[in-house]
N, C-alpha and C. Protein backbone atom coordinates (compact mmCIF):
# COMPACT_ATOMS: atom_id res chain seq x y z
N MET A 1 5.86 -49.99 10.32
CA MET A 1 6.04 -48.74 11.05
C MET A 1 7.21 -47.93 10.53
N PRO A 2 8.37 -48.54 10.24
CA PRO A 2 9.48 -47.75 9.72
C PRO A 2 9.15 -47.09 8.38
N SER A 3 8.30 -47.73 7.57
CA SER A 3 7.97 -47.14 6.27
C SER A 3 7.14 -45.86 6.44
N ASN A 4 6.33 -45.79 7.49
CA ASN A 4 5.56 -44.57 7.76
C ASN A 4 6.48 -43.41 8.12
N ILE A 5 7.49 -43.67 8.90
CA ILE A 5 8.45 -42.62 9.27
C ILE A 5 9.19 -42.13 8.04
N PHE A 6 9.59 -43.08 7.20
CA PHE A 6 10.29 -42.71 5.96
C PHE A 6 9.40 -41.87 5.05
N MET A 7 8.16 -42.27 4.87
CA MET A 7 7.22 -41.54 4.00
C MET A 7 6.92 -40.15 4.58
N ASP A 8 6.80 -40.09 5.90
CA ASP A 8 6.56 -38.79 6.53
C ASP A 8 7.74 -37.85 6.31
N SER A 9 8.96 -38.37 6.43
CA SER A 9 10.14 -37.52 6.23
C SER A 9 10.26 -37.10 4.77
N VAL A 10 9.90 -37.97 3.83
CA VAL A 10 9.90 -37.61 2.41
C VAL A 10 8.88 -36.50 2.14
N MET A 11 7.72 -36.60 2.74
CA MET A 11 6.68 -35.58 2.55
C MET A 11 7.12 -34.23 3.14
N VAL A 12 7.76 -34.26 4.30
CA VAL A 12 8.24 -33.02 4.92
C VAL A 12 9.27 -32.35 4.02
N TRP A 13 10.22 -33.15 3.51
CA TRP A 13 11.24 -32.59 2.61
C TRP A 13 10.63 -32.09 1.32
N ALA A 14 9.61 -32.77 0.82
CA ALA A 14 8.94 -32.32 -0.41
C ALA A 14 8.29 -30.95 -0.19
N VAL A 15 7.65 -30.78 0.96
CA VAL A 15 7.02 -29.49 1.27
C VAL A 15 8.09 -28.40 1.43
N ILE A 16 9.18 -28.71 2.10
CA ILE A 16 10.26 -27.73 2.29
C ILE A 16 10.84 -27.32 0.94
N LEU A 17 11.14 -28.29 0.08
CA LEU A 17 11.69 -27.98 -1.24
C LEU A 17 10.72 -27.18 -2.09
N LEU A 18 9.45 -27.54 -2.07
CA LEU A 18 8.44 -26.81 -2.83
C LEU A 18 8.33 -25.37 -2.33
N THR A 19 8.35 -25.18 -1.03
CA THR A 19 8.29 -23.84 -0.45
C THR A 19 9.49 -23.00 -0.89
N CYS A 20 10.67 -23.58 -0.83
CA CYS A 20 11.89 -22.86 -1.26
C CYS A 20 11.83 -22.50 -2.74
N MET A 21 11.32 -23.40 -3.56
CA MET A 21 11.22 -23.11 -4.99
C MET A 21 10.21 -22.00 -5.27
N VAL A 22 9.11 -21.97 -4.53
CA VAL A 22 8.10 -20.93 -4.72
C VAL A 22 8.68 -19.57 -4.31
N ILE A 23 9.37 -19.52 -3.19
CA ILE A 23 9.98 -18.26 -2.74
C ILE A 23 11.03 -17.79 -3.75
N GLY A 24 11.88 -18.67 -4.19
CA GLY A 24 12.90 -18.32 -5.19
C GLY A 24 12.27 -17.87 -6.50
N GLY A 25 11.22 -18.55 -6.93
CA GLY A 25 10.52 -18.17 -8.15
C GLY A 25 9.90 -16.80 -8.06
N TYR A 26 9.36 -16.47 -6.90
CA TYR A 26 8.78 -15.14 -6.70
C TYR A 26 9.82 -14.06 -6.93
N PHE A 27 11.01 -14.22 -6.33
CA PHE A 27 12.06 -13.21 -6.48
C PHE A 27 12.62 -13.20 -7.90
N MET A 28 12.67 -14.35 -8.56
CA MET A 28 13.15 -14.39 -9.94
C MET A 28 12.18 -13.65 -10.87
N ILE A 29 10.89 -13.83 -10.66
CA ILE A 29 9.90 -13.14 -11.48
C ILE A 29 9.98 -11.64 -11.26
N ARG A 30 10.14 -11.21 -10.02
CA ARG A 30 10.27 -9.77 -9.75
C ARG A 30 11.48 -9.20 -10.47
N LYS A 31 12.59 -9.91 -10.44
CA LYS A 31 13.81 -9.45 -11.11
C LYS A 31 13.58 -9.43 -12.63
N PHE A 32 12.93 -10.46 -13.16
CA PHE A 32 12.64 -10.53 -14.59
C PHE A 32 11.77 -9.35 -15.02
N LEU A 33 10.77 -8.99 -14.24
CA LEU A 33 9.89 -7.88 -14.59
C LEU A 33 10.64 -6.55 -14.58
N LYS A 34 11.66 -6.42 -13.72
CA LYS A 34 12.46 -5.20 -13.69
C LYS A 34 13.31 -5.05 -14.95
N VAL A 35 13.63 -6.15 -15.60
CA VAL A 35 14.51 -6.14 -16.76
C VAL A 35 13.74 -5.94 -18.06
N LEU A 36 12.42 -6.16 -18.05
CA LEU A 36 11.63 -5.98 -19.26
C LEU A 36 11.60 -4.51 -19.68
N PRO A 37 11.80 -4.23 -20.96
CA PRO A 37 11.78 -2.84 -21.42
C PRO A 37 10.39 -2.23 -21.32
N LYS A 38 10.34 -0.96 -20.98
CA LYS A 38 9.08 -0.21 -20.92
C LYS A 38 8.83 0.43 -22.29
N THR A 39 7.86 1.32 -22.37
CA THR A 39 7.51 1.94 -23.65
C THR A 39 8.64 2.79 -24.22
N ASP A 40 9.51 3.31 -23.36
CA ASP A 40 10.62 4.14 -23.84
C ASP A 40 11.83 3.30 -24.29
N GLY A 41 11.73 1.98 -24.17
CA GLY A 41 12.81 1.10 -24.62
C GLY A 41 13.80 0.74 -23.53
N ARG A 42 13.70 1.35 -22.37
CA ARG A 42 14.61 1.05 -21.26
C ARG A 42 13.83 0.39 -20.14
N SER A 43 14.49 -0.51 -19.45
CA SER A 43 13.85 -1.20 -18.33
C SER A 43 14.02 -0.37 -17.06
N LYS A 44 13.30 -0.80 -16.02
CA LYS A 44 13.43 -0.12 -14.73
C LYS A 44 14.87 -0.21 -14.22
N LEU A 45 15.50 -1.35 -14.44
CA LEU A 45 16.89 -1.54 -14.02
C LEU A 45 17.84 -0.64 -14.82
N ASP A 46 17.57 -0.47 -16.12
CA ASP A 46 18.37 0.44 -16.94
C ASP A 46 18.29 1.87 -16.41
N TRP A 47 17.08 2.29 -16.06
CA TRP A 47 16.90 3.64 -15.54
C TRP A 47 17.61 3.81 -14.20
N GLN A 48 17.52 2.79 -13.34
CA GLN A 48 18.22 2.88 -12.06
C GLN A 48 19.72 3.04 -12.29
N ASN A 49 20.28 2.24 -13.17
CA ASN A 49 21.71 2.35 -13.47
C ASN A 49 22.06 3.71 -14.06
N HIS A 50 21.19 4.22 -14.90
CA HIS A 50 21.41 5.54 -15.49
C HIS A 50 21.48 6.62 -14.42
N TRP A 51 20.50 6.63 -13.52
CA TRP A 51 20.47 7.67 -12.48
C TRP A 51 21.64 7.55 -11.52
N VAL A 52 22.04 6.34 -11.20
CA VAL A 52 23.19 6.15 -10.31
C VAL A 52 24.45 6.68 -10.97
N GLU A 53 24.67 6.32 -12.22
CA GLU A 53 25.89 6.77 -12.93
C GLU A 53 25.88 8.27 -13.17
N ALA A 54 24.72 8.81 -13.54
CA ALA A 54 24.64 10.24 -13.84
C ALA A 54 24.84 11.11 -12.60
N SER A 55 24.51 10.57 -11.44
CA SER A 55 24.62 11.37 -10.21
C SER A 55 25.84 11.01 -9.36
N ARG A 56 26.67 10.12 -9.85
CA ARG A 56 27.83 9.65 -9.07
C ARG A 56 28.70 10.81 -8.58
N HIS A 57 28.89 11.84 -9.39
CA HIS A 57 29.75 12.96 -9.01
C HIS A 57 29.13 13.87 -7.96
N LEU A 58 27.84 13.73 -7.70
CA LEU A 58 27.15 14.57 -6.73
C LEU A 58 27.24 14.04 -5.29
N TRP A 59 27.63 12.79 -5.15
CA TRP A 59 27.63 12.16 -3.83
C TRP A 59 28.86 12.59 -3.03
N THR A 60 28.60 13.01 -1.79
CA THR A 60 29.68 13.33 -0.87
C THR A 60 29.84 12.19 0.12
N ASP A 61 30.90 12.21 0.88
CA ASP A 61 31.10 11.17 1.90
C ASP A 61 29.97 11.21 2.93
N GLU A 62 29.52 12.41 3.26
CA GLU A 62 28.44 12.56 4.25
C GLU A 62 27.13 11.97 3.72
N SER A 63 26.80 12.24 2.45
CA SER A 63 25.55 11.71 1.89
C SER A 63 25.62 10.18 1.73
N LYS A 64 26.79 9.65 1.40
CA LYS A 64 26.95 8.19 1.31
C LYS A 64 26.77 7.55 2.68
N ALA A 65 27.35 8.18 3.71
CA ALA A 65 27.22 7.66 5.07
C ALA A 65 25.76 7.70 5.52
N PHE A 66 25.05 8.78 5.15
CA PHE A 66 23.65 8.90 5.53
C PHE A 66 22.81 7.83 4.83
N LEU A 67 23.11 7.56 3.56
CA LEU A 67 22.40 6.50 2.84
C LEU A 67 22.67 5.14 3.50
N ASP A 68 23.90 4.91 3.91
CA ASP A 68 24.22 3.66 4.61
C ASP A 68 23.41 3.52 5.89
N LYS A 69 23.25 4.64 6.62
CA LYS A 69 22.45 4.61 7.84
C LYS A 69 20.98 4.34 7.53
N LEU A 70 20.49 4.90 6.42
CA LEU A 70 19.09 4.69 6.06
C LEU A 70 18.79 3.23 5.72
N VAL A 71 19.71 2.56 5.05
CA VAL A 71 19.45 1.18 4.63
C VAL A 71 19.92 0.14 5.64
N LYS A 72 20.46 0.59 6.76
CA LYS A 72 20.96 -0.33 7.79
C LYS A 72 19.89 -1.32 8.26
N PRO A 73 18.61 -0.91 8.44
CA PRO A 73 17.60 -1.88 8.90
C PRO A 73 17.22 -2.95 7.87
N VAL A 74 17.57 -2.76 6.61
CA VAL A 74 17.23 -3.74 5.58
C VAL A 74 18.06 -5.00 5.81
N PRO A 75 17.43 -6.18 5.73
CA PRO A 75 18.18 -7.42 5.93
C PRO A 75 19.37 -7.52 4.97
N GLY A 76 20.47 -8.06 5.45
CA GLY A 76 21.73 -8.13 4.72
C GLY A 76 21.65 -8.60 3.28
N PRO A 77 20.95 -9.72 2.99
CA PRO A 77 20.92 -10.20 1.61
C PRO A 77 20.25 -9.22 0.62
N PHE A 78 19.40 -8.35 1.13
CA PHE A 78 18.67 -7.42 0.27
C PHE A 78 19.21 -6.00 0.33
N ARG A 79 20.17 -5.75 1.20
CA ARG A 79 20.64 -4.39 1.45
C ARG A 79 21.26 -3.74 0.22
N ASP A 80 22.11 -4.46 -0.51
CA ASP A 80 22.76 -3.87 -1.69
C ASP A 80 21.74 -3.49 -2.76
N ILE A 81 20.77 -4.34 -2.98
CA ILE A 81 19.74 -4.06 -3.99
C ILE A 81 18.91 -2.86 -3.56
N ALA A 82 18.52 -2.83 -2.28
CA ALA A 82 17.74 -1.70 -1.77
C ALA A 82 18.55 -0.41 -1.85
N LYS A 83 19.81 -0.49 -1.51
CA LYS A 83 20.68 0.70 -1.55
C LYS A 83 20.79 1.23 -2.97
N HIS A 84 20.94 0.35 -3.94
CA HIS A 84 21.04 0.77 -5.35
C HIS A 84 19.75 1.43 -5.81
N SER A 85 18.61 0.84 -5.48
CA SER A 85 17.32 1.41 -5.88
C SER A 85 17.09 2.78 -5.26
N ILE A 86 17.41 2.89 -3.97
CA ILE A 86 17.22 4.16 -3.27
C ILE A 86 18.21 5.19 -3.79
N ALA A 87 19.46 4.79 -4.02
CA ALA A 87 20.46 5.72 -4.55
C ALA A 87 20.05 6.24 -5.92
N ALA A 88 19.43 5.40 -6.74
CA ALA A 88 18.97 5.83 -8.06
C ALA A 88 17.90 6.91 -7.93
N GLU A 89 16.97 6.70 -7.02
CA GLU A 89 15.90 7.69 -6.81
C GLU A 89 16.46 9.00 -6.25
N ILE A 90 17.39 8.88 -5.31
CA ILE A 90 18.03 10.07 -4.75
C ILE A 90 18.78 10.83 -5.84
N GLY A 91 19.53 10.11 -6.67
CA GLY A 91 20.26 10.74 -7.76
C GLY A 91 19.34 11.44 -8.73
N LYS A 92 18.22 10.81 -9.04
CA LYS A 92 17.24 11.40 -9.94
C LYS A 92 16.71 12.71 -9.37
N ILE A 93 16.38 12.70 -8.09
CA ILE A 93 15.85 13.90 -7.44
C ILE A 93 16.90 15.01 -7.42
N ALA A 94 18.13 14.67 -7.11
CA ALA A 94 19.21 15.67 -7.06
C ALA A 94 19.49 16.25 -8.44
N LEU A 95 19.52 15.39 -9.46
CA LEU A 95 19.78 15.87 -10.82
C LEU A 95 18.64 16.74 -11.34
N GLU A 96 17.40 16.35 -11.05
CA GLU A 96 16.26 17.15 -11.50
C GLU A 96 16.21 18.50 -10.80
N ALA A 97 16.73 18.56 -9.57
CA ALA A 97 16.78 19.83 -8.84
C ALA A 97 18.02 20.64 -9.22
N ARG A 98 18.87 20.07 -10.07
CA ARG A 98 20.12 20.72 -10.49
C ARG A 98 20.97 21.12 -9.27
N ALA A 99 21.01 20.22 -8.30
CA ALA A 99 21.75 20.46 -7.06
C ALA A 99 23.25 20.25 -7.31
N PRO A 100 24.08 21.01 -6.61
CA PRO A 100 25.53 20.82 -6.76
C PRO A 100 26.03 19.55 -6.07
N GLU A 101 25.26 19.05 -5.10
CA GLU A 101 25.60 17.81 -4.41
C GLU A 101 24.36 17.20 -3.78
N VAL A 102 24.47 15.93 -3.45
CA VAL A 102 23.36 15.23 -2.79
C VAL A 102 23.37 15.62 -1.31
N THR A 103 22.21 16.04 -0.82
CA THR A 103 22.09 16.46 0.58
C THR A 103 21.22 15.47 1.35
N ARG A 104 21.12 15.70 2.66
CA ARG A 104 20.24 14.86 3.49
C ARG A 104 18.80 14.97 3.01
N ASP A 105 18.42 16.17 2.61
CA ASP A 105 17.07 16.40 2.11
C ASP A 105 16.78 15.51 0.90
N HIS A 106 17.71 15.45 -0.03
CA HIS A 106 17.55 14.58 -1.20
C HIS A 106 17.47 13.12 -0.77
N CYS A 107 18.30 12.74 0.19
CA CYS A 107 18.32 11.34 0.66
C CYS A 107 16.97 10.94 1.27
N ILE A 108 16.42 11.82 2.08
CA ILE A 108 15.13 11.50 2.72
C ILE A 108 14.02 11.44 1.68
N LYS A 109 13.99 12.42 0.78
CA LYS A 109 12.97 12.42 -0.28
C LYS A 109 13.10 11.18 -1.17
N GLY A 110 14.33 10.83 -1.52
CA GLY A 110 14.56 9.66 -2.35
C GLY A 110 14.17 8.37 -1.65
N TYR A 111 14.47 8.28 -0.35
CA TYR A 111 14.10 7.10 0.42
C TYR A 111 12.59 6.93 0.44
N ILE A 112 11.88 8.04 0.68
CA ILE A 112 10.42 7.98 0.72
C ILE A 112 9.86 7.56 -0.63
N SER A 113 10.41 8.12 -1.72
CA SER A 113 9.92 7.80 -3.06
C SER A 113 10.22 6.37 -3.48
N ALA A 114 11.38 5.87 -3.07
CA ALA A 114 11.83 4.56 -3.55
C ALA A 114 11.31 3.39 -2.74
N THR A 115 10.80 3.64 -1.55
CA THR A 115 10.37 2.52 -0.71
C THR A 115 8.84 2.45 -0.64
N PRO A 116 8.31 1.27 -0.39
CA PRO A 116 6.86 1.13 -0.25
C PRO A 116 6.36 1.91 0.97
N LYS A 117 5.12 2.32 0.90
CA LYS A 117 4.52 3.12 1.99
C LYS A 117 4.56 2.39 3.33
N ARG A 118 4.54 1.06 3.31
CA ARG A 118 4.55 0.31 4.57
C ARG A 118 5.87 0.50 5.32
N ASP A 119 6.93 0.93 4.62
CA ASP A 119 8.23 1.14 5.27
C ASP A 119 8.39 2.53 5.86
N ASN A 120 7.39 3.39 5.68
CA ASN A 120 7.50 4.75 6.21
C ASN A 120 7.60 4.77 7.73
N LYS A 121 6.99 3.80 8.41
CA LYS A 121 7.08 3.78 9.87
C LYS A 121 8.52 3.55 10.33
N PHE A 122 9.29 2.77 9.55
CA PHE A 122 10.70 2.57 9.88
C PHE A 122 11.50 3.85 9.67
N LEU A 123 11.16 4.58 8.61
CA LEU A 123 11.84 5.85 8.35
C LEU A 123 11.52 6.86 9.44
N ILE A 124 10.26 6.93 9.85
CA ILE A 124 9.88 7.86 10.92
C ILE A 124 10.60 7.52 12.21
N ALA A 125 10.69 6.24 12.54
CA ALA A 125 11.41 5.81 13.74
C ALA A 125 12.88 6.19 13.63
N PHE A 126 13.48 6.00 12.45
CA PHE A 126 14.89 6.36 12.24
C PHE A 126 15.10 7.86 12.40
N LEU A 127 14.21 8.66 11.80
CA LEU A 127 14.34 10.11 11.89
C LEU A 127 14.15 10.60 13.32
N ASN A 128 13.19 10.03 14.03
CA ASN A 128 13.00 10.40 15.43
C ASN A 128 14.22 10.04 16.27
N LYS A 129 14.77 8.86 16.03
CA LYS A 129 15.95 8.40 16.78
C LYS A 129 17.14 9.32 16.57
N ASN A 130 17.27 9.87 15.36
CA ASN A 130 18.39 10.75 15.03
C ASN A 130 18.03 12.24 15.15
N GLN A 131 16.91 12.54 15.80
CA GLN A 131 16.45 13.92 16.02
C GLN A 131 16.40 14.74 14.73
N ILE A 132 15.84 14.13 13.68
CA ILE A 132 15.66 14.82 12.41
C ILE A 132 14.16 15.10 12.24
N ASP A 133 13.81 16.35 12.00
CA ASP A 133 12.42 16.74 11.83
C ASP A 133 11.88 16.22 10.50
N TYR A 134 10.84 15.41 10.56
CA TYR A 134 10.29 14.83 9.33
C TYR A 134 9.00 15.53 8.88
N LYS A 135 8.62 16.60 9.54
CA LYS A 135 7.40 17.33 9.18
C LYS A 135 7.43 17.83 7.73
N PRO A 136 8.57 18.32 7.21
CA PRO A 136 8.58 18.78 5.81
C PRO A 136 8.34 17.64 4.79
N TYR A 137 8.41 16.40 5.21
CA TYR A 137 8.29 15.28 4.28
C TYR A 137 6.98 14.51 4.45
N GLU A 138 6.12 14.95 5.37
CA GLU A 138 4.88 14.22 5.62
C GLU A 138 3.99 14.15 4.39
N HIS A 139 3.98 15.20 3.58
CA HIS A 139 3.14 15.19 2.37
C HIS A 139 3.61 14.12 1.38
N LEU A 140 4.89 13.79 1.38
CA LEU A 140 5.39 12.73 0.49
C LEU A 140 5.00 11.35 1.00
N MET A 141 4.88 11.21 2.29
CA MET A 141 4.55 9.91 2.88
C MET A 141 3.09 9.55 2.68
N GLN A 142 2.24 10.52 2.42
CA GLN A 142 0.81 10.27 2.32
C GLN A 142 0.35 10.04 0.89
N LYS A 143 1.26 10.15 -0.08
CA LYS A 143 0.87 9.94 -1.49
C LYS A 143 0.73 8.49 -1.79
């Protein structure tokens, strides 16, 4: 009887370890794919870093605070990565518009562009909570 309990506990730990390795492997592969160079010779991560650095001078304290509010619902371990990705998209939009600074409009457009469509419901809830009209951005959410 004691050997059955021991074998059962070994099997449970084996399943737990295998599950953790699969989850970790999934995130490692996603990170690896971001680092692979595209046809232009730069990876997705290189482009994100480029847009963040190129738009650094456009960010105001207000736009940084608004970005922090936008990424607040993201779980802590993923928040910095999400913030960097979204900031890169916002910077790209602001630079392409030749804006003198990053505005709330750029932040909302960048958030919509940088996040999966399934996250739009969280953005809509956030905008409603903060009494921000999201009607001008509905066409971006439906693409």
